[in-house]
Amino acid sequence: MFKNNKTFSSFSVNDMEKAKDFYANVLGVDIEDGTMPGIFSLALPANKITIYTKPNHTPATFTVLNFIVDGVDKAVDELAAKGVQFEHYDYDKLKTDEKGIVRGYGPTVAWFKDPAGNILSVMDDK
């Protein structure tokens, strides 16, 4: 039924200006204002991601957006230099190193949060 339909993803934030600043100036993503107030999109080459303000926003407890990068260590170092703090996990099958990077459980990945508390990641394409 939907195999030929275009799709996009969306998630909420609680502060539009903080979100725009984070995505544009910290992550370096081009943003496009939405057609309605309180909405903007990330201008990514393959996907459209719409971000909207929600007065009763609750951060997602799971990863809402993964950035595929060429070198997680390099991305973590660059983001950490901009003040991004990475999550640390110590589960049976998911342990991060001192930089917040998981290695050896599948793709190399590191998780961090946007200003609204949504979980994002940088991940190797391997």
PDB file of N, CA and C in Angstrom:
ATOM      1  N   MET A   1       0.812  -1.200   0.000  1.00  0.00           N
ATOM      2  CA  MET A   1       0.000   0.000   0.000  1.00  0.00           C
ATOM      3  C   MET A   1       0.859   1.270   0.000  1.00  0.00           C
ATOM      4  N   PHE A   2       1.945   1.303   0.784  1.00  0.00           N
ATOM      5  CA  PHE A   2       2.740   2.513   0.897  1.00  0.00           C
ATOM      6  C   PHE A   2       4.123   2.388   0.260  1.00  0.00           C
ATOM      7  N   LYS A   3       4.408   1.335  -0.463  1.00  0.00           N
ATOM      8  CA  LYS A   3       5.775   1.104  -0.931  1.00  0.00           C
ATOM      9  C   LYS A   3       6.300   2.173  -1.871  1.00  0.00           C
ATOM     10  N   ASN A   4       5.463   2.941  -2.508  1.00  0.00           N
ATOM     11  CA  ASN A   4       5.920   3.994  -3.411  1.00  0.00           C
ATOM     12  C   ASN A   4       5.679   5.400  -2.874  1.00  0.00           C
ATOM     13  N   ASN A   5       5.250   5.488  -1.631  1.00  0.00           N
ATOM     14  CA  ASN A   5       4.978   6.790  -1.034  1.00  0.00           C
ATOM     15  C   ASN A   5       6.246   7.401  -0.456  1.00  0.00           C
ATOM     16  N   LYS A   6       6.349   8.716  -0.533  1.00  0.00           N
ATOM     17  CA  LYS A   6       7.416   9.420   0.163  1.00  0.00           C
ATOM     18  C   LYS A   6       7.102   9.429   1.646  1.00  0.00           C
ATOM     19  N   THR A   7       8.147   9.478   2.456  1.00  0.00           N
ATOM     20  CA  THR A   7       7.962   9.527   3.895  1.00  0.00           C
ATOM     21  C   THR A   7       8.869  10.590   4.487  1.00  0.00           C
ATOM     22  N   PHE A   8       8.585  10.967   5.713  1.00  0.00           N
ATOM     23  CA  PHE A   8       9.496  11.810   6.479  1.00  0.00           C
ATOM     24  C   PHE A   8       9.270  11.486   7.941  1.00  0.00           C
ATOM     25  N   SER A   9      10.205  11.864   8.743  1.00  0.00           N
ATOM     26  CA  SER A   9      10.120  11.623  10.169  1.00  0.00           C
ATOM     27  C   SER A   9      10.003  12.957  10.891  1.00  0.00           C
ATOM     28  N   SER A  10       9.482  12.911  12.111  1.00  0.00           N
ATOM     29  CA  SER A  10       9.380  14.134  12.898  1.00  0.00           C
ATOM     30  C   SER A  10       9.472  13.797  14.383  1.00  0.00           C
ATOM     31  N   PHE A  11       9.858  14.802  15.154  1.00  0.00           N
ATOM     32  CA  PHE A  11       9.848  14.686  16.602  1.00  0.00           C
ATOM     33  C   PHE A  11       9.757  16.072  17.197  1.00  0.00           C
ATOM     34  N   SER A  12       9.428  16.123  18.486  1.00  0.00           N
ATOM     35  CA  SER A  12       9.172  17.412  19.116  1.00  0.00           C
ATOM     36  C   SER A  12      10.344  17.899  19.952  1.00  0.00           C
ATOM     37  N   VAL A  13      10.330  19.198  20.212  1.00  0.00           N
ATOM     38  CA  VAL A  13      11.258  19.873  21.118  1.00  0.00           C
ATOM     39  C   VAL A  13      10.436  20.847  21.962  1.00  0.00           C
ATOM     40  N   ASN A  14      11.040  21.354  23.021  1.00  0.00           N
ATOM     41  CA  ASN A  14      10.302  22.297  23.862  1.00  0.00           C
ATOM     42  C   ASN A  14      10.718  23.749  23.645  1.00  0.00           C
ATOM     43  N   ASP A  15      11.816  23.983  22.922  1.00  0.00           N
ATOM     44  CA  ASP A  15      12.294  25.348  22.695  1.00  0.00           C
ATOM     45  C   ASP A  15      12.838  25.445  21.274  1.00  0.00           C
ATOM     46  N   MET A  16      12.085  26.094  20.420  1.00  0.00           N
ATOM     47  CA  MET A  16      12.430  26.172  18.996  1.00  0.00           C
ATOM     48  C   MET A  16      13.772  26.853  18.763  1.00  0.00           C
ATOM     49  N   GLU A  17      14.024  27.962  19.422  1.00  0.00           N
ATOM     50  CA  GLU A  17      15.264  28.700  19.179  1.00  0.00           C
ATOM     51  C   GLU A  17      16.491  27.907  19.628  1.00  0.00           C
ATOM     52  N   LYS A  18      16.418  27.251  20.784  1.00  0.00           N
ATOM     53  CA  LYS A  18      17.531  26.411  21.231  1.00  0.00           C
ATOM     54  C   LYS A  18      17.755  25.263  20.258  1.00  0.00           C
ATOM     55  N   ALA A  19      16.663  24.671  19.780  1.00  0.00           N
ATOM     56  CA  ALA A  19      16.772  23.551  18.836  1.00  0.00           C
ATOM     57  C   ALA A  19      17.402  24.017  17.521  1.00  0.00           C
ATOM     58  N   LYS A  20      16.940  25.130  16.987  1.00  0.00           N
ATOM     59  CA  LYS A  20      17.504  25.644  15.735  1.00  0.00           C
ATOM     60  C   LYS A  20      18.996  25.937  15.894  1.00  0.00           C
ATOM     61  N   ASP A  21      19.363  26.558  16.992  1.00  0.00           N
ATOM     62  CA  ASP A  21      20.766  26.873  17.240  1.00  0.00           C
ATOM     63  C   ASP A  21      21.599  25.598  17.326  1.00  0.00           C
ATOM     64  N   PHE A  22      21.125  24.606  18.036  1.00  0.00           N
ATOM     65  CA  PHE A  22      21.852  23.345  18.197  1.00  0.00           C
ATOM     66  C   PHE A  22      22.044  22.638  16.858  1.00  0.00           C
ATOM     67  N   TYR A  23      20.957  22.461  16.114  1.00  0.00           N
ATOM     68  CA  TYR A  23      21.052  21.721  14.853  1.00  0.00           C
ATOM     69  C   TYR A  23      21.867  22.489  13.806  1.00  0.00           C
ATOM     70  N   ALA A  24      21.711  23.798  13.753  1.00  0.00           N
ATOM     71  CA  ALA A  24      22.426  24.592  12.756  1.00  0.00           C
ATOM     72  C   ALA A  24      23.875  24.860  13.157  1.00  0.00           C
ATOM     73  N   ASN A  25      24.093  25.303  14.379  1.00  0.00           N
ATOM     74  CA  ASN A  25      25.422  25.778  14.762  1.00  0.00           C
ATOM     75  C   ASN A  25      26.303  24.746  15.443  1.00  0.00           C
ATOM     76  N   VAL A  26      25.718  23.790  16.140  1.00  0.00           N
ATOM     77  CA  VAL A  26      26.521  22.746  16.773  1.00  0.00           C
ATOM     78  C   VAL A  26      26.692  21.567  15.815  1.00  0.00           C
ATOM     79  N   LEU A  27      25.578  21.081  15.262  1.00  0.00           N
ATOM     80  CA  LEU A  27      25.659  19.934  14.350  1.00  0.00           C
ATOM     81  C   LEU A  27      25.986  20.337  12.909  1.00  0.00           C
ATOM     82  N   GLY A  28      25.784  21.593  12.569  1.00  0.00           N
ATOM     83  CA  GLY A  28      26.128  22.069  11.230  1.00  0.00           C
ATOM     84  C   GLY A  28      25.162  21.651  10.141  1.00  0.00           C
ATOM     85  N   VAL A  29      23.908  21.407  10.510  1.00  0.00           N
ATOM     86  CA  VAL A  29      22.882  20.994   9.546  1.00  0.00           C
ATOM     87  C   VAL A  29      22.149  22.229   9.047  1.00  0.00           C
ATOM     88  N   ASP A  30      21.925  22.320   7.741  1.00  0.00           N
ATOM     89  CA  ASP A  30      21.103  23.403   7.214  1.00  0.00           C
ATOM     90  C   ASP A  30      19.661  23.175   7.662  1.00  0.00           C
ATOM     91  N   ILE A  31      19.000  24.248   8.034  1.00  0.00           N
ATOM     92  CA  ILE A  31      17.605  24.136   8.453  1.00  0.00           C
ATOM     93  C   ILE A  31      16.727  24.983   7.543  1.00  0.00           C
ATOM     94  N   GLU A  32      15.488  24.555   7.435  1.00  0.00           N
ATOM     95  CA  GLU A  32      14.495  25.264   6.627  1.00  0.00           C
ATOM     96  C   GLU A  32      13.288  25.540   7.508  1.00  0.00           C
ATOM     97  N   ASP A  33      12.825  26.783   7.514  1.00  0.00           N
ATOM     98  CA  ASP A  33      11.626  27.097   8.278  1.00  0.00           C
ATOM     99  C   ASP A  33      10.436  26.373   7.688  1.00  0.00           C
ATOM    100  N   GLY A  34       9.542  25.946   8.565  1.00  0.00           N
ATOM    101  CA  GLY A  34       8.341  25.236   8.130  1.00  0.00           C
ATOM    102  C   GLY A  34       7.289  26.180   7.607  1.00  0.00           C
ATOM    103  N   THR A  35       6.220  25.607   7.161  1.00  0.00           N
ATOM    104  CA  THR A  35       5.118  26.392   6.608  1.00  0.00           C
ATOM    105  C   THR A  35       4.229  26.962   7.702  1.00  0.00           C
ATOM    106  N   MET A  36       4.416  26.496   8.941  1.00  0.00           N
ATOM    107  CA  MET A  36       3.648  27.008  10.069  1.00  0.00           C
ATOM    108  C   MET A  36       4.623  27.424  11.164  1.00  0.00           C
ATOM    109  N   PRO A  37       4.246  28.359  12.026  1.00  0.00           N
ATOM    110  CA  PRO A  37       5.122  28.737  13.138  1.00  0.00           C
ATOM    111  C   PRO A  37       5.395  27.524  14.035  1.00  0.00           C
ATOM    112  N   GLY A  38       6.583  27.478  14.596  1.00  0.00           N
ATOM    113  CA  GLY A  38       6.924  26.405  15.511  1.00  0.00           C
ATOM    114  C   GLY A  38       7.367  25.120  14.845  1.00  0.00           C
ATOM    115  N   ILE A  39       7.681  25.193  13.550  1.00  0.00           N
ATOM    116  CA  ILE A  39       8.116  24.006  12.806  1.00  0.00           C
ATOM    117  C   ILE A  39       9.324  24.371  11.960  1.00  0.00           C
ATOM    118  N   PHE A  40      10.311  23.489  11.916  1.00  0.00           N
ATOM    119  CA  PHE A  40      11.403  23.620  10.956  1.00  0.00           C
ATOM    120  C   PHE A  40      11.849  22.235  10.538  1.00  0.00           C
ATOM    121  N   SER A  41      12.591  22.174   9.448  1.00  0.00           N
ATOM    122  CA  SER A  41      13.076  20.900   8.930  1.00  0.00           C
ATOM    123  C   SER A  41      14.586  20.924   8.836  1.00  0.00           C
ATOM    124  N   LEU A  42      15.181  19.749   8.977  1.00  0.00           N
ATOM    125  CA  LEU A  42      16.604  19.594   8.735  1.00  0.00           C
ATOM    126  C   LEU A  42      16.769  19.295   7.257  1.00  0.00           C
ATOM    127  N   ALA A  43      17.571  20.083   6.578  1.00  0.00           N
ATOM    128  CA  ALA A  43      17.774  19.916   5.135  1.00  0.00           C
ATOM    129  C   ALA A  43      18.898  18.912   4.921  1.00  0.00           C
ATOM    130  N   LEU A  44      18.553  17.645   5.007  1.00  0.00           N
ATOM    131  CA  LEU A  44      19.513  16.563   4.836  1.00  0.00           C
ATOM    132  C   LEU A  44      19.388  15.997   3.428  1.00  0.00           C
ATOM    133  N   PRO A  45      20.466  15.440   2.882  1.00  0.00           N
ATOM    134  CA  PRO A  45      20.436  15.008   1.490  1.00  0.00           C
ATOM    135  C   PRO A  45      19.473  13.864   1.192  1.00  0.00           C
ATOM    136  N   ALA A  46      19.260  12.962   2.135  1.00  0.00           N
ATOM    137  CA  ALA A  46      18.456  11.789   1.810  1.00  0.00           C
ATOM    138  C   ALA A  46      17.077  11.793   2.458  1.00  0.00           C
ATOM    139  N   ASN A  47      16.908  12.500   3.537  1.00  0.00           N
ATOM    140  CA  ASN A  47      15.656  12.424   4.285  1.00  0.00           C
ATOM    141  C   ASN A  47      15.216  13.795   4.768  1.00  0.00           C
ATOM    142  N   LYS A  48      13.922  13.933   4.933  1.00  0.00           N
ATOM    143  CA  LYS A  48      13.390  15.149   5.526  1.00  0.00           C
ATOM    144  C   LYS A  48      13.024  14.829   6.968  1.00  0.00           C
ATOM    145  N   ILE A  49      13.542  15.611   7.878  1.00  0.00           N
ATOM    146  CA  ILE A  49      13.241  15.467   9.295  1.00  0.00           C
ATOM    147  C   ILE A  49      12.584  16.760   9.744  1.00  0.00           C
ATOM    148  N   THR A  50      11.381  16.685  10.232  1.00  0.00           N
ATOM    149  CA  THR A  50      10.648  17.860  10.687  1.00  0.00           C
ATOM    150  C   THR A  50      10.686  17.903  12.209  1.00  0.00           C
ATOM    151  N   ILE A  51      10.983  19.060  12.748  1.00  0.00           N
ATOM    152  CA  ILE A  51      11.041  19.263  14.189  1.00  0.00           C
ATOM    153  C   ILE A  51      10.010  20.327  14.543  1.00  0.00           C
ATOM    154  N   TYR A  52       9.246  20.054  15.566  1.00  0.00           N
ATOM    155  CA  TYR A  52       8.167  20.976  15.933  1.00  0.00           C
ATOM    156  C   TYR A  52       8.156  21.192  17.445  1.00  0.00           C
ATOM    157  N   THR A  53       7.679  22.361  17.843  1.00  0.00           N
ATOM    158  CA  THR A  53       7.556  22.632  19.278  1.00  0.00           C
ATOM    159  C   THR A  53       6.260  22.034  19.794  1.00  0.00           C
ATOM    160  N   LYS A  54       6.346  21.577  21.020  1.00  0.00           N
ATOM    161  CA  LYS A  54       5.185  20.985  21.674  1.00  0.00           C
ATOM    162  C   LYS A  54       5.217  21.441  23.126  1.00  0.00           C
ATOM    163  N   PRO A  55       4.179  22.120  23.582  1.00  0.00           N
ATOM    164  CA  PRO A  55       4.195  22.679  24.940  1.00  0.00           C
ATOM    165  C   PRO A  55       4.441  21.638  26.035  1.00  0.00           C
ATOM    166  N   ASN A  56       3.909  20.445  25.880  1.00  0.00           N
ATOM    167  CA  ASN A  56       4.083  19.412  26.898  1.00  0.00           C
ATOM    168  C   ASN A  56       5.093  18.357  26.429  1.00  0.00           C
ATOM    169  N   HIS A  57       6.119  18.805  25.730  1.00  0.00           N
ATOM    170  CA  HIS A  57       7.158  17.918  25.187  1.00  0.00           C
ATOM    171  C   HIS A  57       7.742  17.022  26.272  1.00  0.00           C
ATOM    172  N   THR A  58       7.890  15.768  25.939  1.00  0.00           N
ATOM    173  CA  THR A  58       8.611  14.802  26.770  1.00  0.00           C
ATOM    174  C   THR A  58       9.696  14.213  25.885  1.00  0.00           C
ATOM    175  N   PRO A  59      10.962  14.261  26.301  1.00  0.00           N
ATOM    176  CA  PRO A  59      12.031  13.723  25.466  1.00  0.00           C
ATOM    177  C   PRO A  59      11.825  12.237  25.181  1.00  0.00           C
ATOM    178  N   ALA A  60      12.203  11.837  23.995  1.00  0.00           N
ATOM    179  CA  ALA A  60      12.141  10.426  23.628  1.00  0.00           C
ATOM    180  C   ALA A  60      13.148   9.649  24.464  1.00  0.00           C
ATOM    181  N   THR A  61      12.802   8.438  24.836  1.00  0.00           N
ATOM    182  CA  THR A  61      13.711   7.587  25.613  1.00  0.00           C
ATOM    183  C   THR A  61      14.464   6.617  24.715  1.00  0.00           C
ATOM    184  N   PHE A  62      14.413   6.867  23.424  1.00  0.00           N
ATOM    185  CA  PHE A  62      15.070   6.038  22.420  1.00  0.00           C
ATOM    186  C   PHE A  62      15.686   6.960  21.387  1.00  0.00           C
ATOM    187  N   THR A  63      16.513   6.429  20.522  1.00  0.00           N
ATOM    188  CA  THR A  63      17.182   7.239  19.511  1.00  0.00           C
ATOM    189  C   THR A  63      16.176   7.688  18.453  1.00  0.00           C
ATOM    190  N   VAL A  64      16.072   9.004  18.253  1.00  0.00           N
ATOM    191  CA  VAL A  64      15.140   9.526  17.254  1.00  0.00           C
ATOM    192  C   VAL A  64      15.820   9.859  15.937  1.00  0.00           C
ATOM    193  N   LEU A  65      17.150  10.004  15.954  1.00  0.00           N
ATOM    194  CA  LEU A  65      17.856  10.388  14.734  1.00  0.00           C
ATOM    195  C   LEU A  65      19.290   9.890  14.796  1.00  0.00           C
ATOM    196  N   ASN A  66      19.703   9.179  13.748  1.00  0.00           N
ATOM    197  CA  ASN A  66      21.064   8.660  13.629  1.00  0.00           C
ATOM    198  C   ASN A  66      21.767   9.369  12.484  1.00  0.00           C
ATOM    199  N   PHE A  67      22.949   9.907  12.746  1.00  0.00           N
ATOM    200  CA  PHE A  67      23.763  10.512  11.700  1.00  0.00           C
ATOM    201  C   PHE A  67      24.844   9.506  11.314  1.00  0.00           C
ATOM    202  N   ILE A  68      24.841   9.082  10.072  1.00  0.00           N
ATOM    203  CA  ILE A  68      25.874   8.183   9.571  1.00  0.00           C
ATOM    204  C   ILE A  68      27.096   9.034   9.247  1.00  0.00           C
ATOM    205  N   VAL A  69      28.239   8.678   9.849  1.00  0.00           N
ATOM    206  CA  VAL A  69      29.447   9.473   9.700  1.00  0.00           C
ATOM    207  C   VAL A  69      30.608   8.591   9.247  1.00  0.00           C
ATOM    208  N   ASP A  70      31.604   9.229   8.710  1.00  0.00           N
ATOM    209  CA  ASP A  70      32.833   8.549   8.340  1.00  0.00           C
ATOM    210  C   ASP A  70      33.819   8.754   9.485  1.00  0.00           C
ATOM    211  N   GLY A  71      33.706   7.928  10.504  1.00  0.00           N
ATOM    212  CA  GLY A  71      34.586   8.039  11.657  1.00  0.00           C
ATOM    213  C   GLY A  71      33.890   8.566  12.886  1.00  0.00           C
ATOM    214  N   VAL A  72      33.413   7.678  13.724  1.00  0.00           N
ATOM    215  CA  VAL A  72      32.718   8.075  14.942  1.00  0.00           C
ATOM    216  C   VAL A  72      33.656   8.816  15.886  1.00  0.00           C
ATOM    217  N   ASP A  73      34.904   8.333  16.019  1.00  0.00           N
ATOM    218  CA  ASP A  73      35.845   9.011  16.921  1.00  0.00           C
ATOM    219  C   ASP A  73      36.018  10.474  16.542  1.00  0.00           C
ATOM    220  N   LYS A  74      36.183  10.737  15.264  1.00  0.00           N
ATOM    221  CA  LYS A  74      36.363  12.109  14.798  1.00  0.00           C
ATOM    222  C   LYS A  74      35.111  12.945  15.088  1.00  0.00           C
ATOM    223  N   ALA A  75      33.933  12.389  14.807  1.00  0.00           N
ATOM    224  CA  ALA A  75      32.681  13.112  15.059  1.00  0.00           C
ATOM    225  C   ALA A  75      32.506  13.392  16.547  1.00  0.00           C
ATOM    226  N   VAL A  76      32.809  12.410  17.388  1.00  0.00           N
ATOM    227  CA  VAL A  76      32.689  12.598  18.840  1.00  0.00           C
ATOM    228  C   VAL A  76      33.638  13.700  19.305  1.00  0.00           C
ATOM    229  N   ASP A  77      34.878  13.657  18.830  1.00  0.00           N
ATOM    230  CA  ASP A  77      35.845  14.683  19.225  1.00  0.00           C
ATOM    231  C   ASP A  77      35.396  16.076  18.807  1.00  0.00           C
ATOM    232  N   GLU A  78      34.894  16.205  17.572  1.00  0.00           N
ATOM    233  CA  GLU A  78      34.455  17.514  17.080  1.00  0.00           C
ATOM    234  C   GLU A  78      33.240  18.016  17.850  1.00  0.00           C
ATOM    235  N   LEU A  79      32.285  17.137  18.115  1.00  0.00           N
ATOM    236  CA  LEU A  79      31.094  17.551  18.861  1.00  0.00           C
ATOM    237  C   LEU A  79      31.428  17.849  20.322  1.00  0.00           C
ATOM    238  N   ALA A  80      32.291  17.054  20.923  1.00  0.00           N
ATOM    239  CA  ALA A  80      32.693  17.297  22.315  1.00  0.00           C
ATOM    240  C   ALA A  80      33.382  18.658  22.437  1.00  0.00           C
ATOM    241  N   ALA A  81      34.158  19.039  21.426  1.00  0.00           N
ATOM    242  CA  ALA A  81      34.826  20.343  21.432  1.00  0.00           C
ATOM    243  C   ALA A  81      33.811  21.483  21.385  1.00  0.00           C
ATOM    244  N   LYS A  82      32.597  21.191  20.894  1.00  0.00           N
ATOM    245  CA  LYS A  82      31.526  22.191  20.843  1.00  0.00           C
ATOM    246  C   LYS A  82      30.616  22.110  22.065  1.00  0.00           C
ATOM    247  N   GLY A  83      30.991  21.275  23.034  1.00  0.00           N
ATOM    248  CA  GLY A  83      30.224  21.194  24.266  1.00  0.00           C
ATOM    249  C   GLY A  83      29.204  20.078  24.350  1.00  0.00           C
ATOM    250  N   VAL A  84      29.117  19.231  23.311  1.00  0.00           N
ATOM    251  CA  VAL A  84      28.167  18.122  23.339  1.00  0.00           C
ATOM    252  C   VAL A  84      28.681  17.066  24.317  1.00  0.00           C
ATOM    253  N   GLN A  85      27.792  16.599  25.181  1.00  0.00           N
ATOM    254  CA  GLN A  85      28.139  15.540  26.128  1.00  0.00           C
ATOM    255  C   GLN A  85      27.545  14.230  25.633  1.00  0.00           C
ATOM    256  N   PHE A  86      28.338  13.185  25.682  1.00  0.00           N
ATOM    257  CA  PHE A  86      27.900  11.887  25.189  1.00  0.00           C
ATOM    258  C   PHE A  86      27.390  11.015  26.323  1.00  0.00           C
ATOM    259  N   GLU A  87      26.417  10.189  25.991  1.00  0.00           N
ATOM    260  CA  GLU A  87      25.819   9.284  26.955  1.00  0.00           C
ATOM    261  C   GLU A  87      26.787   8.129  27.237  1.00  0.00           C
ATOM    262  N   HIS A  88      26.696   7.577  28.429  1.00  0.00           N
ATOM    263  CA  HIS A  88      27.513   6.423  28.813  1.00  0.00           C
ATOM    264  C   HIS A  88      26.580   5.313  29.289  1.00  0.00           C
ATOM    265  N   TYR A  89      26.793   4.117  28.755  1.00  0.00           N
ATOM    266  CA  TYR A  89      25.961   2.968  29.090  1.00  0.00           C
ATOM    267  C   TYR A  89      26.850   1.824  29.561  1.00  0.00           C
ATOM    268  N   ASP A  90      26.324   1.043  30.485  1.00  0.00           N
ATOM    269  CA  ASP A  90      27.046  -0.122  30.985  1.00  0.00           C
ATOM    270  C   ASP A  90      26.049  -1.257  31.177  1.00  0.00           C
ATOM    271  N   TYR A  91      25.586  -1.809  30.069  1.00  0.00           N
ATOM    272  CA  TYR A  91      24.658  -2.935  30.080  1.00  0.00           C
ATOM    273  C   TYR A  91      25.415  -4.180  29.624  1.00  0.00           C
ATOM    274  N   ASP A  92      24.812  -5.336  29.809  1.00  0.00           N
ATOM    275  CA  ASP A  92      25.459  -6.594  29.423  1.00  0.00           C
ATOM    276  C   ASP A  92      25.957  -6.579  27.982  1.00  0.00           C
ATOM    277  N   LYS A  93      25.138  -6.128  27.069  1.00  0.00           N
ATOM    278  CA  LYS A  93      25.511  -6.167  25.654  1.00  0.00           C
ATOM    279  C   LYS A  93      25.661  -4.780  25.049  1.00  0.00           C
ATOM    280  N   LEU A  94      25.872  -3.800  25.891  1.00  0.00           N
ATOM    281  CA  LEU A  94      26.032  -2.439  25.403  1.00  0.00           C
ATOM    282  C   LEU A  94      26.857  -1.646  26.410  1.00  0.00           C
ATOM    283  N   LYS A  95      28.131  -1.502  26.121  1.00  0.00           N
ATOM    284  CA  LYS A  95      29.034  -0.781  27.016  1.00  0.00           C
ATOM    285  C   LYS A  95      29.781   0.279  26.212  1.00  0.00           C
ATOM    286  N   THR A  96      29.756   1.492  26.732  1.00  0.00           N
ATOM    287  CA  THR A  96      30.487   2.566  26.075  1.00  0.00           C
ATOM    288  C   THR A  96      31.875   2.695  26.696  1.00  0.00           C
ATOM    289  N   ASP A  97      32.797   3.231  25.900  1.00  0.00           N
ATOM    290  CA  ASP A  97      34.137   3.490  26.425  1.00  0.00           C
ATOM    291  C   ASP A  97      34.150   4.873  27.081  1.00  0.00           C
ATOM    292  N   GLU A  98      35.343   5.352  27.446  1.00  0.00           N
ATOM    293  CA  GLU A  98      35.461   6.627  28.162  1.00  0.00           C
ATOM    294  C   GLU A  98      34.959   7.816  27.340  1.00  0.00           C
ATOM    295  N   LYS A  99      34.922   7.688  25.999  1.00  0.00           N
ATOM    296  CA  LYS A  99      34.422   8.766  25.148  1.00  0.00           C
ATOM    297  C   LYS A  99      32.917   8.659  24.906  1.00  0.00           C
ATOM    298  N   GLY A 100      32.318   7.549  25.356  1.00  0.00           N
ATOM    299  CA  GLY A 100      30.890   7.344  25.112  1.00  0.00           C
ATOM    300  C   GLY A 100      30.620   6.592  23.826  1.00  0.00           C
ATOM    301  N   ILE A 101      31.593   5.844  23.342  1.00  0.00           N
ATOM    302  CA  ILE A 101      31.461   5.118  22.074  1.00  0.00           C
ATOM    303  C   ILE A 101      31.310   3.622  22.346  1.00  0.00           C
ATOM    304  N   VAL A 102      30.363   3.000  21.666  1.00  0.00           N
ATOM    305  CA  VAL A 102      30.183   1.551  21.720  1.00  0.00           C
ATOM    306  C   VAL A 102      30.917   0.952  20.534  1.00  0.00           C
ATOM    307  N   ARG A 103      31.720  -0.055  20.823  1.00  0.00           N
ATOM    308  CA  ARG A 103      32.475  -0.750  19.770  1.00  0.00           C
ATOM    309  C   ARG A 103      32.282  -2.253  19.943  1.00  0.00           C
ATOM    310  N   GLY A 104      32.198  -2.954  18.810  1.00  0.00           N
ATOM    311  CA  GLY A 104      32.187  -4.406  18.848  1.00  0.00           C
ATOM    312  C   GLY A 104      30.843  -5.071  19.064  1.00  0.00           C
ATOM    313  N   TYR A 105      29.770  -4.309  19.119  1.00  0.00           N
ATOM    314  CA  TYR A 105      28.432  -4.880  19.284  1.00  0.00           C
ATOM    315  C   TYR A 105      27.591  -4.651  18.026  1.00  0.00           C
ATOM    316  N   GLY A 106      28.232  -4.478  16.912  1.00  0.00           N
ATOM    317  CA  GLY A 106      27.576  -4.070  15.673  1.00  0.00           C
ATOM    318  C   GLY A 106      28.284  -2.828  15.191  1.00  0.00           C
ATOM    319  N   PRO A 107      27.561  -1.871  14.635  1.00  0.00           N
ATOM    320  CA  PRO A 107      28.226  -0.647  14.191  1.00  0.00           C
ATOM    321  C   PRO A 107      28.790   0.135  15.375  1.00  0.00           C
ATOM    322  N   THR A 108      29.847   0.873  15.131  1.00  0.00           N
ATOM    323  CA  THR A 108      30.394   1.768  16.147  1.00  0.00           C
ATOM    324  C   THR A 108      29.452   2.956  16.254  1.00  0.00           C
ATOM    325  N   VAL A 109      29.052   3.292  17.487  1.00  0.00           N
ATOM    326  CA  VAL A 109      28.027   4.323  17.670  1.00  0.00           C
ATOM    327  C   VAL A 109      28.244   5.061  18.986  1.00  0.00           C
ATOM    328  N   ALA A 110      27.842   6.333  19.008  1.00  0.00           N
ATOM    329  CA  ALA A 110      27.855   7.144  20.223  1.00  0.00           C
ATOM    330  C   ALA A 110      26.561   7.956  20.271  1.00  0.00           C
ATOM    331  N   TRP A 111      25.965   8.034  21.444  1.00  0.00           N
ATOM    332  CA  TRP A 111      24.698   8.728  21.617  1.00  0.00           C
ATOM    333  C   TRP A 111      24.886  10.029  22.392  1.00  0.00           C
ATOM    334  N   PHE A 112      24.051  11.014  22.048  1.00  0.00           N
ATOM    335  CA  PHE A 112      24.043  12.300  22.731  1.00  0.00           C
ATOM    336  C   PHE A 112      22.636  12.861  22.661  1.00  0.00           C
ATOM    337  N   LYS A 113      22.386  13.936  23.381  1.00  0.00           N
ATOM    338  CA  LYS A 113      21.038  14.512  23.424  1.00  0.00           C
ATOM    339  C   LYS A 113      21.028  15.915  22.844  1.00  0.00           C
ATOM    340  N   ASP A 114      19.893  16.271  22.238  1.00  0.00           N
ATOM    341  CA  ASP A 114      19.706  17.650  21.802  1.00  0.00           C
ATOM    342  C   ASP A 114      19.249  18.470  23.016  1.00  0.00           C
ATOM    343  N   PRO A 115      19.100  19.793  22.882  1.00  0.00           N
ATOM    344  CA  PRO A 115      18.721  20.607  24.042  1.00  0.00           C
ATOM    345  C   PRO A 115      17.374  20.218  24.668  1.00  0.00           C
ATOM    346  N   ALA A 116      16.510  19.554  23.910  1.00  0.00           N
ATOM    347  CA  ALA A 116      15.208  19.127  24.431  1.00  0.00           C
ATOM    348  C   ALA A 116      15.277  17.747  25.080  1.00  0.00           C
ATOM    349  N   GLY A 117      16.450  17.116  25.066  1.00  0.00           N
ATOM    350  CA  GLY A 117      16.614  15.808  25.688  1.00  0.00           C
ATOM    351  C   GLY A 117      16.367  14.630  24.779  1.00  0.00           C
ATOM    352  N   ASN A 118      16.099  14.873  23.494  1.00  0.00           N
ATOM    353  CA  ASN A 118      15.922  13.777  22.540  1.00  0.00           C
ATOM    354  C   ASN A 118      17.266  13.113  22.273  1.00  0.00           C
ATOM    355  N   ILE A 119      17.269  11.806  22.111  1.00  0.00           N
ATOM    356  CA  ILE A 119      18.503  11.053  21.910  1.00  0.00           C
ATOM    357  C   ILE A 119      18.825  10.958  20.428  1.00  0.00           C
ATOM    358  N   LEU A 120      20.056  11.352  20.094  1.00  0.00           N
ATOM    359  CA  LEU A 120      20.587  11.294  18.736  1.00  0.00           C
ATOM    360  C   LEU A 120      21.847  10.437  18.758  1.00  0.00           C
ATOM    361  N   SER A 121      22.333  10.027  17.585  1.00  0.00           N
ATOM    362  CA  SER A 121      23.583   9.288  17.566  1.00  0.00           C
ATOM    363  C   SER A 121      24.417   9.646  16.350  1.00  0.00           C
ATOM    364  N   VAL A 122      25.703   9.355  16.477  1.00  0.00           N
ATOM    365  CA  VAL A 122      26.607   9.320  15.328  1.00  0.00           C
ATOM    366  C   VAL A 122      27.027   7.862  15.204  1.00  0.00           C
ATOM    367  N   MET A 123      27.045   7.358  13.971  1.00  0.00           N
ATOM    368  CA  MET A 123      27.242   5.933  13.753  1.00  0.00           C
ATOM    369  C   MET A 123      28.065   5.708  12.487  1.00  0.00           C
ATOM    370  N   ASP A 124      28.991   4.748  12.554  1.00  0.00           N
ATOM    371  CA  ASP A 124      29.724   4.351  11.352  1.00  0.00           C
ATOM    372  C   ASP A 124      28.808   3.639  10.393  1.00  0.00           C
ATOM    373  N   ASP A 125      29.057   3.788   9.122  1.00  0.00           N
ATOM    374  CA  ASP A 125      28.274   3.116   8.093  1.00  0.00           C
ATOM    375  C   ASP A 125      28.935   1.773   7.763  1.00  0.00           C
ATOM    376  N   LYS A 126      29.098   0.934   8.768  1.00  0.00           N
ATOM    377  CA  LYS A 126      29.740  -0.375   8.563  1.00  0.00           C
ATOM    378  C   LYS A 126      29.002  -1.439   9.314  1.00  0.00           C
TER     379      LYS A 126
END
